[in-house]
Amino acid sequence: MRRGKRWRETVTAWLALPPDALQAVSRLTCIGGQEVVVEHARCLSKVTDAEVVMELPEGWVHLHGRGFVVKLLAAGEIHVAGDVERIEWRRPGLGPEQRGGPA
């Protein structure tokens, strides 16, 4: 384990902070089923009116619903608006047809 990562984990535990406070892990926030904010995203893989697929360091996130529009695409941060019906998480290591990523 790298020294910097170990230090962040120790400080996080010592200060009783949530794991995502100092560590570079993805965070997904759904606001009222109408907007989704994803932090630490790697890329936006697919955008349609009914589906959005984003790659994260920890896997893939699929948004299912209606009327999706990407409101913000910045370095590591994606904001998507629309009617969110379902959020699906897929871990890495699955074949492209299973994870929904590029084939």
PDB file of N, CA and C in Angstrom:
ATOM      1  N   MET A   1       0.848  -1.175   0.000  1.00  0.00           N
ATOM      2  CA  MET A   1       0.000   0.000   0.000  1.00  0.00           C
ATOM      3  C   MET A   1       0.892   1.237   0.000  1.00  0.00           C
ATOM      4  N   ARG A   2       0.542   2.207  -0.791  1.00  0.00           N
ATOM      5  CA  ARG A   2       1.339   3.424  -0.859  1.00  0.00           C
ATOM      6  C   ARG A   2       1.231   4.210   0.435  1.00  0.00           C
ATOM      7  N   ARG A   3       2.295   4.933   0.738  1.00  0.00           N
ATOM      8  CA  ARG A   3       2.361   5.702   1.988  1.00  0.00           C
ATOM      9  C   ARG A   3       1.260   6.764   2.063  1.00  0.00           C
ATOM     10  N   GLY A   4       1.021   7.502   0.962  1.00  0.00           N
ATOM     11  CA  GLY A   4      -0.001   8.549   0.953  1.00  0.00           C
ATOM     12  C   GLY A   4      -1.389   8.000   1.206  1.00  0.00           C
ATOM     13  N   LYS A   5      -1.696   6.873   0.596  1.00  0.00           N
ATOM     14  CA  LYS A   5      -3.005   6.259   0.780  1.00  0.00           C
ATOM     15  C   LYS A   5      -3.168   5.796   2.226  1.00  0.00           C
ATOM     16  N   ARG A   6      -2.133   5.192   2.774  1.00  0.00           N
ATOM     17  CA  ARG A   6      -2.180   4.732   4.166  1.00  0.00           C
ATOM     18  C   ARG A   6      -2.372   5.918   5.114  1.00  0.00           C
ATOM     19  N   TRP A   7      -1.676   7.025   4.833  1.00  0.00           N
ATOM     20  CA  TRP A   7      -1.810   8.224   5.658  1.00  0.00           C
ATOM     21  C   TRP A   7      -3.242   8.759   5.613  1.00  0.00           C
ATOM     22  N   ARG A   8      -3.850   8.840   4.417  1.00  0.00           N
ATOM     23  CA  ARG A   8      -5.234   9.320   4.296  1.00  0.00           C
ATOM     24  C   ARG A   8      -6.200   8.414   5.041  1.00  0.00           C
ATOM     25  N   GLU A   9      -5.997   7.109   4.950  1.00  0.00           N
ATOM     26  CA  GLU A   9      -6.866   6.173   5.662  1.00  0.00           C
ATOM     27  C   GLU A   9      -6.732   6.353   7.171  1.00  0.00           C
ATOM     28  N   THR A  10      -5.509   6.537   7.661  1.00  0.00           N
ATOM     29  CA  THR A  10      -5.283   6.724   9.097  1.00  0.00           C
ATOM     30  C   THR A  10      -5.928   8.015   9.586  1.00  0.00           C
ATOM     31  N   VAL A  11      -5.733   9.104   8.852  1.00  0.00           N
ATOM     32  CA  VAL A  11      -6.328  10.390   9.249  1.00  0.00           C
ATOM     33  C   VAL A  11      -7.849  10.314   9.201  1.00  0.00           C
ATOM     34  N   THR A  12      -8.381   9.677   8.170  1.00  0.00           N
ATOM     35  CA  THR A  12      -9.833   9.523   8.056  1.00  0.00           C
ATOM     36  C   THR A  12     -10.398   8.781   9.262  1.00  0.00           C
ATOM     37  N   ALA A  13      -9.753   7.677   9.638  1.00  0.00           N
ATOM     38  CA  ALA A  13     -10.217   6.903  10.798  1.00  0.00           C
ATOM     39  C   ALA A  13     -10.052   7.697  12.087  1.00  0.00           C
ATOM     40  N   TRP A  14      -8.925   8.378  12.241  1.00  0.00           N
ATOM     41  CA  TRP A  14      -8.648   9.132  13.458  1.00  0.00           C
ATOM     42  C   TRP A  14      -9.644  10.269  13.662  1.00  0.00           C
ATOM     43  N   LEU A  15     -10.021  10.954  12.573  1.00  0.00           N
ATOM     44  CA  LEU A  15     -10.969  12.056  12.672  1.00  0.00           C
ATOM     45  C   LEU A  15     -12.422  11.601  12.580  1.00  0.00           C
ATOM     46  N   ALA A  16     -12.629  10.293  12.452  1.00  0.00           N
ATOM     47  CA  ALA A  16     -13.977   9.713  12.329  1.00  0.00           C
ATOM     48  C   ALA A  16     -14.735  10.330  11.153  1.00  0.00           C
ATOM     49  N   LEU A  17     -14.048  10.475  10.028  1.00  0.00           N
ATOM     50  CA  LEU A  17     -14.658  11.005   8.813  1.00  0.00           C
ATOM     51  C   LEU A  17     -15.160   9.857   7.946  1.00  0.00           C
ATOM     52  N   PRO A  18     -16.139  10.120   7.088  1.00  0.00           N
ATOM     53  CA  PRO A  18     -16.550   9.079   6.142  1.00  0.00           C
ATOM     54  C   PRO A  18     -15.394   8.787   5.190  1.00  0.00           C
ATOM     55  N   PRO A  19     -15.309   7.562   4.657  1.00  0.00           N
ATOM     56  CA  PRO A  19     -14.176   7.163   3.799  1.00  0.00           C
ATOM     57  C   PRO A  19     -13.951   8.067   2.592  1.00  0.00           C
ATOM     58  N   ASP A  20     -14.993   8.692   2.059  1.00  0.00           N
ATOM     59  CA  ASP A  20     -14.825   9.505   0.864  1.00  0.00           C
ATOM     60  C   ASP A  20     -14.353  10.925   1.158  1.00  0.00           C
ATOM     61  N   ALA A  21     -14.164  11.283   2.419  1.00  0.00           N
ATOM     62  CA  ALA A  21     -13.784  12.652   2.752  1.00  0.00           C
ATOM     63  C   ALA A  21     -12.377  12.997   2.274  1.00  0.00           C
ATOM     64  N   LEU A  22     -11.426  12.121   2.467  1.00  0.00           N
ATOM     65  CA  LEU A  22     -10.038  12.386   2.075  1.00  0.00           C
ATOM     66  C   LEU A  22      -9.529  11.434   1.006  1.00  0.00           C
ATOM     67  N   GLN A  23     -10.235  10.366   0.749  1.00  0.00           N
ATOM     68  CA  GLN A  23      -9.768   9.370  -0.209  1.00  0.00           C
ATOM     69  C   GLN A  23     -10.401   9.614  -1.569  1.00  0.00           C
ATOM     70  N   ALA A  24      -9.722   9.239  -2.614  1.00  0.00           N
ATOM     71  CA  ALA A  24     -10.196   9.453  -3.980  1.00  0.00           C
ATOM     72  C   ALA A  24     -11.129   8.322  -4.403  1.00  0.00           C
ATOM     73  N   VAL A  25     -12.305   8.282  -3.805  1.00  0.00           N
ATOM     74  CA  VAL A  25     -13.315   7.307  -4.198  1.00  0.00           C
ATOM     75  C   VAL A  25     -14.477   8.051  -4.837  1.00  0.00           C
ATOM     76  N   SER A  26     -15.209   7.371  -5.675  1.00  0.00           N
ATOM     77  CA  SER A  26     -16.329   7.996  -6.361  1.00  0.00           C
ATOM     78  C   SER A  26     -17.482   8.225  -5.406  1.00  0.00           C
ATOM     79  N   ARG A  27     -18.212   9.286  -5.680  1.00  0.00           N
ATOM     80  CA  ARG A  27     -19.404   9.603  -4.898  1.00  0.00           C
ATOM     81  C   ARG A  27     -20.534   9.898  -5.872  1.00  0.00           C
ATOM     82  N   LEU A  28     -21.675   9.285  -5.660  1.00  0.00           N
ATOM     83  CA  LEU A  28     -22.846   9.493  -6.489  1.00  0.00           C
ATOM     84  C   LEU A  28     -23.939  10.079  -5.618  1.00  0.00           C
ATOM     85  N   THR A  29     -24.491  11.210  -6.034  1.00  0.00           N
ATOM     86  CA  THR A  29     -25.564  11.861  -5.296  1.00  0.00           C
ATOM     87  C   THR A  29     -26.770  11.983  -6.207  1.00  0.00           C
ATOM     88  N   CYS A  30     -27.899  11.465  -5.759  1.00  0.00           N
ATOM     89  CA  CYS A  30     -29.147  11.584  -6.507  1.00  0.00           C
ATOM     90  C   CYS A  30     -30.033  12.586  -5.773  1.00  0.00           C
ATOM     91  N   ILE A  31     -30.441  13.625  -6.474  1.00  0.00           N
ATOM     92  CA  ILE A  31     -31.211  14.707  -5.869  1.00  0.00           C
ATOM     93  C   ILE A  31     -32.651  14.618  -6.355  1.00  0.00           C
ATOM     94  N   GLY A  32     -33.517  14.132  -5.477  1.00  0.00           N
ATOM     95  CA  GLY A  32     -34.945  14.080  -5.769  1.00  0.00           C
ATOM     96  C   GLY A  32     -35.334  13.266  -6.988  1.00  0.00           C
ATOM     97  N   GLY A  33     -34.496  12.357  -7.414  1.00  0.00           N
ATOM     98  CA  GLY A  33     -34.814  11.548  -8.580  1.00  0.00           C
ATOM     99  C   GLY A  33     -34.806  12.336  -9.880  1.00  0.00           C
ATOM    100  N   GLN A  34     -34.317  13.581  -9.825  1.00  0.00           N
ATOM    101  CA  GLN A  34     -34.312  14.448 -11.003  1.00  0.00           C
ATOM    102  C   GLN A  34     -32.921  14.851 -11.467  1.00  0.00           C
ATOM    103  N   GLU A  35     -31.918  14.661 -10.612  1.00  0.00           N
ATOM    104  CA  GLU A  35     -30.554  15.007 -10.980  1.00  0.00           C
ATOM    105  C   GLU A  35     -29.585  14.070 -10.282  1.00  0.00           C
ATOM    106  N   VAL A  36     -28.532  13.678 -11.003  1.00  0.00           N
ATOM    107  CA  VAL A  36     -27.495  12.811 -10.447  1.00  0.00           C
ATOM    108  C   VAL A  36     -26.162  13.510 -10.643  1.00  0.00           C
ATOM    109  N   VAL A  37     -25.382  13.579  -9.564  1.00  0.00           N
ATOM    110  CA  VAL A  37     -24.046  14.162  -9.599  1.00  0.00           C
ATOM    111  C   VAL A  37     -23.061  13.044  -9.269  1.00  0.00           C
ATOM    112  N   VAL A  38     -22.076  12.840 -10.145  1.00  0.00           N
ATOM    113  CA  VAL A  38     -21.067  11.805  -9.938  1.00  0.00           C
ATOM    114  C   VAL A  38     -19.703  12.487  -9.861  1.00  0.00           C
ATOM    115  N   GLU A  39     -19.007  12.245  -8.749  1.00  0.00           N
ATOM    116  CA  GLU A  39     -17.660  12.781  -8.562  1.00  0.00           C
ATOM    117  C   GLU A  39     -16.647  11.659  -8.765  1.00  0.00           C
ATOM    118  N   HIS A  40     -15.474  11.996  -9.254  1.00  0.00           N
ATOM    119  CA  HIS A  40     -14.385  11.061  -9.558  1.00  0.00           C
ATOM    120  C   HIS A  40     -14.759  10.094 -10.678  1.00  0.00           C
ATOM    121  N   ALA A  41     -15.495  10.588 -11.669  1.00  0.00           N
ATOM    122  CA  ALA A  41     -15.833   9.771 -12.834  1.00  0.00           C
ATOM    123  C   ALA A  41     -14.660   9.764 -13.807  1.00  0.00           C
ATOM    124  N   ARG A  42     -14.453   8.642 -14.473  1.00  0.00           N
ATOM    125  CA  ARG A  42     -13.378   8.546 -15.475  1.00  0.00           C
ATOM    126  C   ARG A  42     -13.852   9.021 -16.842  1.00  0.00           C
ATOM    127  N   CYS A  43     -15.026   8.523 -17.266  1.00  0.00           N
ATOM    128  CA  CYS A  43     -15.532   8.935 -18.569  1.00  0.00           C
ATOM    129  C   CYS A  43     -17.027   8.684 -18.671  1.00  0.00           C
ATOM    130  N   LEU A  44     -17.611   9.347 -19.634  1.00  0.00           N
ATOM    131  CA  LEU A  44     -19.020   9.204 -19.966  1.00  0.00           C
ATOM    132  C   LEU A  44     -19.061   8.309 -21.193  1.00  0.00           C
ATOM    133  N   SER A  45     -19.577   7.086 -21.042  1.00  0.00           N
ATOM    134  CA  SER A  45     -19.504   6.091 -22.110  1.00  0.00           C
ATOM    135  C   SER A  45     -20.704   6.090 -23.045  1.00  0.00           C
ATOM    136  N   LYS A  46     -21.891   6.404 -22.518  1.00  0.00           N
ATOM    137  CA  LYS A  46     -23.096   6.332 -23.344  1.00  0.00           C
ATOM    138  C   LYS A  46     -24.123   7.326 -22.812  1.00  0.00           C
ATOM    139  N   VAL A  47     -24.746   8.060 -23.726  1.00  0.00           N
ATOM    140  CA  VAL A  47     -25.806   8.986 -23.347  1.00  0.00           C
ATOM    141  C   VAL A  47     -26.933   8.864 -24.353  1.00  0.00           C
ATOM    142  N   THR A  48     -28.105   8.470 -23.874  1.00  0.00           N
ATOM    143  CA  THR A  48     -29.319   8.488 -24.689  1.00  0.00           C
ATOM    144  C   THR A  48     -30.401   9.143 -23.839  1.00  0.00           C
ATOM    145  N   ASP A  49     -31.560   9.307 -24.409  1.00  0.00           N
ATOM    146  CA  ASP A  49     -32.693   9.874 -23.678  1.00  0.00           C
ATOM    147  C   ASP A  49     -33.076   8.995 -22.486  1.00  0.00           C
ATOM    148  N   ALA A  50     -32.829   7.680 -22.591  1.00  0.00           N
ATOM    149  CA  ALA A  50     -33.279   6.734 -21.573  1.00  0.00           C
ATOM    150  C   ALA A  50     -32.165   6.087 -20.763  1.00  0.00           C
ATOM    151  N   GLU A  51     -30.893   6.313 -21.129  1.00  0.00           N
ATOM    152  CA  GLU A  51     -29.802   5.637 -20.423  1.00  0.00           C
ATOM    153  C   GLU A  51     -28.528   6.470 -20.469  1.00  0.00           C
ATOM    154  N   VAL A  52     -27.813   6.479 -19.337  1.00  0.00           N
ATOM    155  CA  VAL A  52     -26.497   7.115 -19.245  1.00  0.00           C
ATOM    156  C   VAL A  52     -25.569   6.111 -18.577  1.00  0.00           C
ATOM    157  N   VAL A  53     -24.376   5.912 -19.171  1.00  0.00           N
ATOM    158  CA  VAL A  53     -23.389   4.984 -18.622  1.00  0.00           C
ATOM    159  C   VAL A  53     -22.108   5.764 -18.357  1.00  0.00           C
ATOM    160  N   MET A  54     -21.592   5.649 -17.125  1.00  0.00           N
ATOM    161  CA  MET A  54     -20.367   6.326 -16.722  1.00  0.00           C
ATOM    162  C   MET A  54     -19.380   5.324 -16.163  1.00  0.00           C
ATOM    163  N   GLU A  55     -18.103   5.492 -16.515  1.00  0.00           N
ATOM    164  CA  GLU A  55     -17.058   4.639 -15.958  1.00  0.00           C
ATOM    165  C   GLU A  55     -16.429   5.345 -14.764  1.00  0.00           C
ATOM    166  N   LEU A  56     -16.296   4.586 -13.661  1.00  0.00           N
ATOM    167  CA  LEU A  56     -15.666   5.067 -12.435  1.00  0.00           C
ATOM    168  C   LEU A  56     -14.457   4.195 -12.143  1.00  0.00           C
ATOM    169  N   PRO A  57     -13.558   4.619 -11.272  1.00  0.00           N
ATOM    170  CA  PRO A  57     -12.431   3.753 -10.921  1.00  0.00           C
ATOM    171  C   PRO A  57     -12.878   2.411 -10.341  1.00  0.00           C
ATOM    172  N   GLU A  58     -14.029   2.381  -9.695  1.00  0.00           N
ATOM    173  CA  GLU A  58     -14.519   1.176  -9.022  1.00  0.00           C
ATOM    174  C   GLU A  58     -15.469   0.349  -9.867  1.00  0.00           C
ATOM    175  N   GLY A  59     -15.822   0.797 -11.064  1.00  0.00           N
ATOM    176  CA  GLY A  59     -16.764   0.049 -11.897  1.00  0.00           C
ATOM    177  C   GLY A  59     -17.532   0.973 -12.824  1.00  0.00           C
ATOM    178  N   TRP A  60     -18.754   0.584 -13.127  1.00  0.00           N
ATOM    179  CA  TRP A  60     -19.612   1.321 -14.045  1.00  0.00           C
ATOM    180  C   TRP A  60     -20.919   1.674 -13.344  1.00  0.00           C
ATOM    181  N   VAL A  61     -21.472   2.852 -13.652  1.00  0.00           N
ATOM    182  CA  VAL A  61     -22.792   3.259 -13.161  1.00  0.00           C
ATOM    183  C   VAL A  61     -23.689   3.455 -14.367  1.00  0.00           C
ATOM    184  N   HIS A  62     -24.866   2.834 -14.314  1.00  0.00           N
ATOM    185  CA  HIS A  62     -25.869   2.969 -15.370  1.00  0.00           C
ATOM    186  C   HIS A  62     -27.072   3.692 -14.771  1.00  0.00           C
ATOM    187  N   LEU A  63     -27.497   4.755 -15.414  1.00  0.00           N
ATOM    188  CA  LEU A  63     -28.724   5.444 -15.027  1.00  0.00           C
ATOM    189  C   LEU A  63     -29.794   5.062 -16.038  1.00  0.00           C
ATOM    190  N   HIS A  64     -30.944   4.675 -15.547  1.00  0.00           N
ATOM    191  CA  HIS A  64     -32.067   4.317 -16.410  1.00  0.00           C
ATOM    192  C   HIS A  64     -33.225   5.244 -16.081  1.00  0.00           C
ATOM    193  N   GLY A  65     -33.915   5.735 -17.102  1.00  0.00           N
ATOM    194  CA  GLY A  65     -35.046   6.629 -16.874  1.00  0.00           C
ATOM    195  C   GLY A  65     -35.496   7.272 -18.168  1.00  0.00           C
ATOM    196  N   ARG A  66     -35.835   8.583 -18.080  1.00  0.00           N
ATOM    197  CA  ARG A  66     -36.350   9.304 -19.245  1.00  0.00           C
ATOM    198  C   ARG A  66     -35.818  10.738 -19.246  1.00  0.00           C
ATOM    199  N   GLY A  67     -35.632  11.274 -20.428  1.00  0.00           N
ATOM    200  CA  GLY A  67     -35.299  12.683 -20.604  1.00  0.00           C
ATOM    201  C   GLY A  67     -33.940  13.098 -20.083  1.00  0.00           C
ATOM    202  N   PHE A  68     -32.948  12.229 -20.196  1.00  0.00           N
ATOM    203  CA  PHE A  68     -31.628  12.552 -19.657  1.00  0.00           C
ATOM    204  C   PHE A  68     -30.919  13.617 -20.499  1.00  0.00           C
ATOM    205  N   VAL A  69     -30.298  14.552 -19.798  1.00  0.00           N
ATOM    206  CA  VAL A  69     -29.492  15.608 -20.393  1.00  0.00           C
ATOM    207  C   VAL A  69     -28.265  15.786 -19.514  1.00  0.00           C
ATOM    208  N   VAL A  70     -27.089  15.834 -20.130  1.00  0.00           N
ATOM    209  CA  VAL A  70     -25.862  16.086 -19.376  1.00  0.00           C
ATOM    210  C   VAL A  70     -25.766  17.590 -19.167  1.00  0.00           C
ATOM    211  N   LYS A  71     -25.837  18.020 -17.899  1.00  0.00           N
ATOM    212  CA  LYS A  71     -25.791  19.447 -17.572  1.00  0.00           C
ATOM    213  C   LYS A  71     -24.368  19.956 -17.395  1.00  0.00           C
ATOM    214  N   LEU A  72     -23.484  19.097 -16.879  1.00  0.00           N
ATOM    215  CA  LEU A  72     -22.102  19.505 -16.655  1.00  0.00           C
ATOM    216  C   LEU A  72     -21.186  18.318 -16.868  1.00  0.00           C
ATOM    217  N   LEU A  73     -20.129  18.541 -17.616  1.00  0.00           N
ATOM    218  CA  LEU A  73     -19.105  17.525 -17.832  1.00  0.00           C
ATOM    219  C   LEU A  73     -17.770  18.220 -17.589  1.00  0.00           C
ATOM    220  N   ALA A  74     -17.222  18.000 -16.397  1.00  0.00           N
ATOM    221  CA  ALA A  74     -15.964  18.640 -16.005  1.00  0.00           C
ATOM    222  C   ALA A  74     -14.964  17.551 -15.641  1.00  0.00           C
ATOM    223  N   ALA A  75     -13.761  17.934 -15.331  1.00  0.00           N
ATOM    224  CA  ALA A  75     -12.715  16.972 -14.969  1.00  0.00           C
ATOM    225  C   ALA A  75     -13.143  16.169 -13.746  1.00  0.00           C
ATOM    226  N   GLY A  76     -13.541  14.930 -13.980  1.00  0.00           N
ATOM    227  CA  GLY A  76     -13.908  14.043 -12.888  1.00  0.00           C
ATOM    228  C   GLY A  76     -15.285  14.251 -12.313  1.00  0.00           C
ATOM    229  N   GLU A  77     -16.082  15.134 -12.882  1.00  0.00           N
ATOM    230  CA  GLU A  77     -17.424  15.387 -12.342  1.00  0.00           C
ATOM    231  C   GLU A  77     -18.447  15.454 -13.466  1.00  0.00           C
ATOM    232  N   ILE A  78     -19.574  14.746 -13.276  1.00  0.00           N
ATOM    233  CA  ILE A  78     -20.635  14.707 -14.277  1.00  0.00           C
ATOM    234  C   ILE A  78     -21.968  14.978 -13.586  1.00  0.00           C
ATOM    235  N   HIS A  79     -22.771  15.900 -14.158  1.00  0.00           N
ATOM    236  CA  HIS A  79     -24.120  16.191 -13.667  1.00  0.00           C
ATOM    237  C   HIS A  79     -25.106  15.799 -14.763  1.00  0.00           C
ATOM    238  N   VAL A  80     -26.084  14.973 -14.412  1.00  0.00           N
ATOM    239  CA  VAL A  80     -27.082  14.511 -15.366  1.00  0.00           C
ATOM    240  C   VAL A  80     -28.463  14.849 -14.810  1.00  0.00           C
ATOM    241  N   ALA A  81     -29.320  15.466 -15.632  1.00  0.00           N
ATOM    242  CA  ALA A  81     -30.692  15.770 -15.249  1.00  0.00           C
ATOM    243  C   ALA A  81     -31.639  14.882 -16.040  1.00  0.00           C
ATOM    244  N   GLY A  82     -32.779  14.556 -15.445  1.00  0.00           N
ATOM    245  CA  GLY A  82     -33.793  13.729 -16.083  1.00  0.00           C
ATOM    246  C   GLY A  82     -34.565  12.968 -15.027  1.00  0.00           C
ATOM    247  N   ASP A  83     -35.522  12.170 -15.457  1.00  0.00           N
ATOM    248  CA  ASP A  83     -36.318  11.356 -14.537  1.00  0.00           C
ATOM    249  C   ASP A  83     -35.604  10.028 -14.289  1.00  0.00           C
ATOM    250  N   VAL A  84     -34.993   9.904 -13.117  1.00  0.00           N
ATOM    251  CA  VAL A  84     -34.228   8.704 -12.781  1.00  0.00           C
ATOM    252  C   VAL A  84     -35.184   7.644 -12.234  1.00  0.00           C
ATOM    253  N   GLU A  85     -35.218   6.503 -12.916  1.00  0.00           N
ATOM    254  CA  GLU A  85     -36.050   5.386 -12.464  1.00  0.00           C
ATOM    255  C   GLU A  85     -35.234   4.326 -11.741  1.00  0.00           C
ATOM    256  N   ARG A  86     -33.965   4.170 -12.175  1.00  0.00           N
ATOM    257  CA  ARG A  86     -33.128   3.119 -11.584  1.00  0.00           C
ATOM    258  C   ARG A  86     -31.664   3.482 -11.753  1.00  0.00           C
ATOM    259  N   ILE A  87     -30.875   3.172 -10.730  1.00  0.00           N
ATOM    260  CA  ILE A  87     -29.427   3.337 -10.777  1.00  0.00           C
ATOM    261  C   ILE A  87     -28.821   1.957 -10.586  1.00  0.00           C
ATOM    262  N   GLU A  88     -27.945   1.578 -11.504  1.00  0.00           N
ATOM    263  CA  GLU A  88     -27.348   0.239 -11.486  1.00  0.00           C
ATOM    264  C   GLU A  88     -25.834   0.357 -11.389  1.00  0.00           C
ATOM    265  N   TRP A  89     -25.233  -0.463 -10.549  1.00  0.00           N
ATOM    266  CA  TRP A  89     -23.791  -0.487 -10.326  1.00  0.00           C
ATOM    267  C   TRP A  89     -23.238  -1.793 -10.868  1.00  0.00           C
ATOM    268  N   ARG A  90     -22.155  -1.713 -11.643  1.00  0.00           N
ATOM    269  CA  ARG A  90     -21.506  -2.925 -12.147  1.00  0.00           C
ATOM    270  C   ARG A  90     -20.025  -2.858 -11.828  1.00  0.00           C
ATOM    271  N   ARG A  91     -19.504  -3.927 -11.276  1.00  0.00           N
ATOM    272  CA  ARG A  91     -18.095  -3.990 -10.891  1.00  0.00           C
ATOM    273  C   ARG A  91     -17.213  -4.312 -12.097  1.00  0.00           C
ATOM    274  N   PRO A  92     -15.939  -3.903 -12.048  1.00  0.00           N
ATOM    275  CA  PRO A  92     -15.035  -4.228 -13.150  1.00  0.00           C
ATOM    276  C   PRO A  92     -14.724  -5.721 -13.177  1.00  0.00           C
ATOM    277  N   GLY A  93     -14.140  -6.172 -14.274  1.00  0.00           N
ATOM    278  CA  GLY A  93     -13.763  -7.574 -14.396  1.00  0.00           C
ATOM    279  C   GLY A  93     -14.770  -8.406 -15.145  1.00  0.00           C
ATOM    280  N   LEU A  94     -15.934  -7.844 -15.445  1.00  0.00           N
ATOM    281  CA  LEU A  94     -16.922  -8.553 -16.248  1.00  0.00           C
ATOM    282  C   LEU A  94     -16.641  -8.267 -17.715  1.00  0.00           C
ATOM    283  N   GLY A  95     -17.118  -9.119 -18.579  1.00  0.00           N
ATOM    284  CA  GLY A  95     -16.941  -8.897 -20.009  1.00  0.00           C
ATOM    285  C   GLY A  95     -17.693  -7.667 -20.460  1.00  0.00           C
ATOM    286  N   PRO A  96     -17.326  -7.063 -21.604  1.00  0.00           N
ATOM    287  CA  PRO A  96     -17.977  -5.837 -22.080  1.00  0.00           C
ATOM    288  C   PRO A  96     -19.484  -5.985 -22.237  1.00  0.00           C
ATOM    289  N   GLU A  97     -19.937  -7.148 -22.661  1.00  0.00           N
ATOM    290  CA  GLU A  97     -21.389  -7.332 -22.841  1.00  0.00           C
ATOM    291  C   GLU A  97     -22.110  -7.356 -21.512  1.00  0.00           C
ATOM    292  N   GLN A  98     -21.431  -7.689 -20.429  1.00  0.00           N
ATOM    293  CA  GLN A  98     -22.058  -7.754 -19.113  1.00  0.00           C
ATOM    294  C   GLN A  98     -21.996  -6.420 -18.388  1.00  0.00           C
ATOM    295  N   ARG A  99     -20.945  -5.638 -18.622  1.00  0.00           N
ATOM    296  CA  ARG A  99     -20.800  -4.396 -17.876  1.00  0.00           C
ATOM    297  C   ARG A  99     -21.388  -3.202 -18.607  1.00  0.00           C
ATOM    298  N   GLY A 100     -21.739  -3.382 -19.873  1.00  0.00           N
ATOM    299  CA  GLY A 100     -22.360  -2.294 -20.612  1.00  0.00           C
ATOM    300  C   GLY A 100     -21.399  -1.265 -21.140  1.00  0.00           C
ATOM    301  N   GLY A 101     -20.107  -1.530 -21.013  1.00  0.00           N
ATOM    302  CA  GLY A 101     -19.101  -0.601 -21.503  1.00  0.00           C
ATOM    303  C   GLY A 101     -18.809  -0.829 -22.961  1.00  0.00           C
ATOM    304  N   PRO A 102     -17.864  -0.105 -23.489  1.00  0.00           N
ATOM    305  CA  PRO A 102     -17.514  -0.281 -24.900  1.00  0.00           C
ATOM    306  C   PRO A 102     -17.047  -1.688 -25.191  1.00  0.00           C
ATOM    307  N   ALA A 103     -17.458  -2.222 -26.308  1.00  0.00           N
ATOM    308  CA  ALA A 103     -17.086  -3.600 -26.683  1.00  0.00           C
ATOM    309  C   ALA A 103     -15.702  -3.645 -27.252  1.00  0.00           C
TER     310      ALA A 103
END
